[in-house]
Every structure is written in C-alpha cells, then in structure tokens.
C-alpha cells in the first residue's frame, strides 16, 4: 500500500534515519516507511542507547511494517519494537481490513497511511492468511532478556572485624594497680592467720 496522504520529495532514507535519532519529523517517518530498509532500521533500534531516539526508530520500523502489511513479517524484525508499537502494529493489521480502532492516537496514524475507513460490518473473518500469520508472529515475540546488573568497579571492602570482647569482670580482673585482686586477698588472709597463730609474748 502506498501513502495516499503525503508524498515525500527528495527522500533519502539514510538521512531520515539519522534525523530521527534527534528529532521527530513526519516526512522522515514517511520516507522510511516508503523507501527504508527494515533490516537497517531494526539494527538502528537495537543499537541505539538513547531511549527517546530508540522509540522514534521503533515507530519508524512499525510504520514500514504497516505500509507493507500485505507481506509476511520477518520475525527477526519484531523484537526491536517497543510494547506500544507492537500494540499499534497488531491494531493496524485489523484496521487495514476495516476494524475500527479503539485508540484515537492509532486512528491518526492509520489516516496518515491511507487506511480504508472503518467498516461497521467488520469481523475477523475479513483477515487474510498473511494477516493471521503476522498476528501469530507478533504474539510469539520472546520477552526481552533482563539486563545483567552492572559489574562493580571494585570489590567491596570486607566488613570490619568485630570489636574484641571485654574480659569478664570475675575473679581474674585487675584493679588500677594492675595487681590481680584475688592475689591481694590471699596475702591479707595469710597475714591474719599468722598473727593469730604466732605465740604471744
């Protein structure tokens, strides 16, 4: 299906692709949807590190797939799409056959693509074989793999050793002179015993 609403003159897909990394212009989306290479767009999505740029490139790939909706989708392209664009693409497969979209924002996209108006008599029986295959491919996209946590730049310092236990203040504790208290008590008791047992003169 060709665009019925807009004609992009002087379209350069490679330039439009780079422009979408920094800004969103309607003519760049249309240029890529008409003449872009889906493999190149998908590769740009997966290698882009800026989230906003990645979303714009994902939308460009979605528009390419919608524009070429009569062709079987290449499954390797689909994991590059973000969740919002997967919903748009699934909705678009039905909208191309006449289903009214429940999302107003999707309707604006479909109008730009020249989709036919909604058919009040639409049923899923209007879906063609290629549509069913594409819907199946969309629903079989594997979930994204969770990114591994970043490695620590350096190993964490080991926890400090526990403080030394204080001596139990029992029989072998020391007074301020450093002499053991039980020993002093023993000396005093021995002196008292000698005084009692020594003969008195």
Protein backbone atom coordinates (compact mmCIF):
# COMPACT_ATOMS: atom_id res chain seq x y z
CA UNK A 1 0.00 0.00 0.00
CA UNK A 2 1.37 3.43 -0.93
CA UNK A 3 0.80 6.57 1.06
CA UNK A 4 -2.31 8.36 -0.13
CA UNK A 5 -1.99 11.42 2.05
CA UNK A 6 1.59 12.61 1.72
CA UNK A 7 4.24 12.49 -0.91
CA UNK A 8 7.82 12.90 0.23
CA UNK A 9 10.00 14.56 -2.36
CA UNK A 10 13.75 14.10 -2.31
CA UNK A 11 13.50 11.28 0.22
CA UNK A 12 16.84 10.00 1.48
CA UNK A 13 16.22 7.09 3.91
CA UNK A 14 19.75 7.16 5.35
CA UNK A 15 19.42 10.87 6.15
CA UNK A 16 15.92 10.45 7.58
CA UNK A 17 17.16 7.63 9.79
CA UNK A 18 19.86 9.83 11.29
CA UNK A 19 17.48 12.75 11.72
CA UNK A 20 15.06 10.59 13.70
CA UNK A 21 17.76 9.96 16.28
CA UNK A 22 17.49 13.58 17.42
CA UNK A 23 14.01 14.77 16.37
CA UNK A 24 10.68 13.54 15.05
CA UNK A 25 9.53 14.85 11.68
CA UNK A 26 6.58 13.46 9.78
CA UNK A 27 8.40 13.47 6.46
CA UNK A 28 11.23 11.35 7.89
CA UNK A 29 8.81 8.72 9.16
CA UNK A 30 7.09 8.66 5.77
CA UNK A 31 10.39 8.48 3.91
CA UNK A 32 11.50 5.41 5.87
CA UNK A 33 8.10 3.75 5.58
CA UNK A 34 8.19 4.12 1.79
CA UNK A 35 11.83 3.55 0.95
CA UNK A 36 13.69 2.45 4.07
CA UNK A 37 15.37 -0.89 4.60
CA UNK A 38 13.66 -2.65 7.53
CA UNK A 39 16.81 -4.55 8.47
CA UNK A 40 18.76 -1.30 8.70
CA UNK A 41 16.02 0.34 10.77
CA UNK A 42 15.81 -2.64 13.13
CA UNK A 43 19.58 -2.64 13.59
CA UNK A 44 19.45 1.07 14.41
CA UNK A 45 16.77 0.41 17.04
CA UNK A 46 18.71 -2.33 18.79
CA UNK A 47 21.98 -0.40 18.88
CA UNK A 48 20.53 2.96 19.95
CA UNK A 49 21.26 3.76 23.60
CA UNK A 50 19.12 6.88 23.96
CA UNK A 51 15.60 5.78 24.99
CA UNK A 52 13.78 8.58 23.16
CA UNK A 53 15.74 8.02 19.97
CA UNK A 54 15.12 4.28 20.23
CA UNK A 55 11.37 4.88 20.50
CA UNK A 56 11.35 7.07 17.39
CA UNK A 57 13.26 4.44 15.42
CA UNK A 58 10.92 1.73 16.69
CA UNK A 59 7.97 3.78 15.42
CA UNK A 60 9.67 4.15 12.01
CA UNK A 61 10.04 0.36 11.78
CA UNK A 62 6.39 -0.08 12.78
CA UNK A 63 5.27 2.27 10.02
CA UNK A 64 7.34 0.34 7.50
CA UNK A 65 5.65 -2.90 8.58
CA UNK A 66 2.21 -1.30 8.38
CA UNK A 67 2.95 0.14 4.95
CA UNK A 68 3.97 -3.31 3.73
CA UNK A 69 1.24 -5.18 5.55
CA UNK A 70 0.44 -7.39 2.60
CA UNK A 71 3.81 -9.09 3.03
CA UNK A 72 4.70 -11.70 5.67
CA UNK A 73 6.59 -10.07 8.53
CA UNK A 74 10.17 -11.12 9.08
CA UNK A 75 10.17 -12.46 12.67
CA UNK A 76 13.72 -11.22 13.31
CA UNK A 77 12.49 -7.62 12.98
CA UNK A 78 9.77 -7.80 15.61
CA UNK A 79 11.82 -7.95 18.86
CA UNK A 80 13.14 -4.46 18.01
CA UNK A 81 9.66 -2.98 18.53
CA UNK A 82 8.73 -1.48 21.87
CA UNK A 83 5.46 -2.59 23.52
CA UNK A 84 3.47 0.46 22.34
CA UNK A 85 4.47 -0.14 18.73
CA UNK A 86 3.63 -3.82 18.97
CA UNK A 87 0.12 -2.84 20.03
CA UNK A 88 -0.07 -0.32 17.17
CA UNK A 89 1.07 -2.93 14.67
CA UNK A 90 -1.42 -5.53 15.89
CA UNK A 91 -4.23 -2.96 15.79
CA UNK A 92 -3.13 -1.90 12.31
CA UNK A 93 -3.37 -5.41 10.92
CA UNK A 94 -7.07 -5.40 11.81
CA UNK A 95 -7.61 -1.77 10.78
CA UNK A 96 -6.33 -2.46 7.26
CA UNK A 97 -9.26 -4.87 6.88
CA UNK A 98 -11.83 -2.43 8.23
CA UNK A 99 -11.91 -2.82 12.02
CA UNK A 100 -12.47 0.41 13.92
CA UNK A 101 -9.57 1.07 16.25
CA UNK A 102 -10.42 1.78 19.91
CA UNK A 103 -7.43 4.15 20.19
CA UNK A 104 -7.76 7.67 18.79
CA UNK A 105 -3.98 8.04 18.54
CA UNK A 106 -3.85 4.92 16.38
CA UNK A 107 -6.57 6.29 14.13
CA UNK A 108 -4.43 9.33 13.35
CA UNK A 109 -1.58 7.05 12.28
CA UNK A 110 -3.87 4.95 10.08
CA UNK A 111 -5.24 8.06 8.41
CA UNK A 112 -1.69 9.12 7.53
CA UNK A 113 -1.12 5.71 5.99
CA UNK A 114 -4.27 5.96 3.89
CA UNK A 115 -6.04 3.02 5.52
CA UNK A 116 -9.66 2.50 4.44
CA UNK A 117 -12.39 3.83 6.72
CA UNK A 118 -13.76 1.56 9.40
CA UNK A 119 -16.36 -0.93 8.24
CA UNK A 120 -19.23 -1.38 10.72
CA UNK A 121 -19.72 -4.89 9.31
CA UNK A 122 -16.14 -5.90 10.07
CA UNK A 123 -15.48 -9.34 11.51
CA UNK A 124 -12.22 -11.23 11.97
CA UNK A 125 -13.34 -13.32 9.01
CA UNK A 126 -12.04 -10.48 6.83
CA UNK A 127 -8.49 -11.19 7.95
CA UNK A 128 -6.42 -12.82 5.24
CA UNK A 129 -3.92 -15.64 5.57
CA UNK A 130 -0.99 -13.24 5.67
CA UNK A 131 -2.72 -11.25 8.44
CA UNK A 132 -3.17 -14.35 10.57
CA UNK A 133 0.47 -15.31 10.09
CA UNK A 134 1.63 -11.83 11.04
CA UNK A 135 -0.57 -11.74 14.14
CA UNK A 136 0.82 -15.10 15.17
CA UNK A 137 4.39 -13.83 14.69
CA UNK A 138 3.63 -10.77 16.82
CA UNK A 139 2.22 -12.87 19.64
CA UNK A 140 5.22 -15.18 19.62
CA UNK A 141 7.82 -12.47 20.17
CA UNK A 142 10.01 -13.68 23.05
CA UNK A 143 10.04 -11.43 26.11
CA UNK A 144 13.07 -9.16 26.43
CA UNK A 145 16.02 -10.60 28.32
CA UNK A 146 16.66 -8.77 31.57
CA UNK A 147 19.94 -6.92 31.53
CA UNK A 148 22.61 -8.19 33.89
CA UNK A 149 23.41 -5.79 36.75
CA UNK A 150 26.50 -3.68 36.07
CA UNK A 151 29.71 -5.07 37.48
CA UNK A 152 31.18 -3.29 40.46
CA UNK A 153 34.12 -1.13 39.58
CA UNK A 154 35.95 -2.53 42.54
CA UNK A 155 35.32 -5.23 45.08
CA UNK A 156 33.54 -4.16 48.20
CA UNK A 157 35.74 -3.76 51.25
CA UNK A 158 35.36 -6.63 53.70
CA UNK A 159 33.35 -5.78 56.80
CA UNK A 160 35.42 -4.60 59.76
CA UNK A 161 36.28 -7.25 62.34
CA UNK A 162 34.08 -7.32 65.42
CA UNK A 163 35.45 -5.42 68.43
CA UNK A 164 37.38 -7.58 70.94
CA UNK A 165 35.28 -8.91 73.74
CA UNK A 166 35.85 -7.29 77.10
CA UNK A 167 37.25 -9.54 79.84
CA UNK A 168 34.65 -11.00 82.09
CA UNK A 169 34.84 -8.98 85.35
CA UNK A 170 35.27 -12.08 87.50
CA UNK A 171 37.97 -13.40 89.80
CA UNK A 172 40.82 -12.55 87.44
CA UNK A 173 40.00 -8.95 86.75
CA UNK A 174 42.57 -6.30 87.65
CA UNK A 175 42.40 -3.15 89.74
CA UNK A 176 44.04 0.13 88.87
CA UNK A 177 47.44 -1.05 90.11
CA UNK A 178 47.50 -3.94 87.69
CA UNK A 179 47.74 -6.47 90.54
CA UNK A 180 45.20 -9.21 90.47
CA UNK A 181 42.59 -8.70 93.16
CA UNK A 182 42.29 -12.37 94.29
CA UNK A 183 46.04 -12.50 94.92
CA UNK A 184 45.85 -9.43 97.24
CA UNK A 185 43.02 -11.01 99.17
CA UNK A 186 45.05 -14.18 99.65
CA UNK A 187 48.04 -12.20 101.08
CA UNK A 188 45.82 -10.37 103.57
CA UNK A 189 44.23 -13.61 104.77
CA UNK A 190 47.65 -15.25 105.23
CA UNK A 191 48.92 -12.34 107.36
CA UNK A 192 45.85 -12.51 109.61
CA UNK A 193 46.34 -16.25 110.09
CA UNK A 194 49.96 -15.75 111.11
CA UNK A 195 49.03 -13.15 113.69
CA UNK A 196 46.53 -15.48 115.28
CA UNK A 197 48.85 -18.48 115.33
CA UNK A 198 52.03 -16.75 116.48
CA UNK A 199 52.85 -17.17 120.27
CA UNK A 200 52.18 -14.12 122.33
CA UNK A 201 54.93 -12.79 124.46
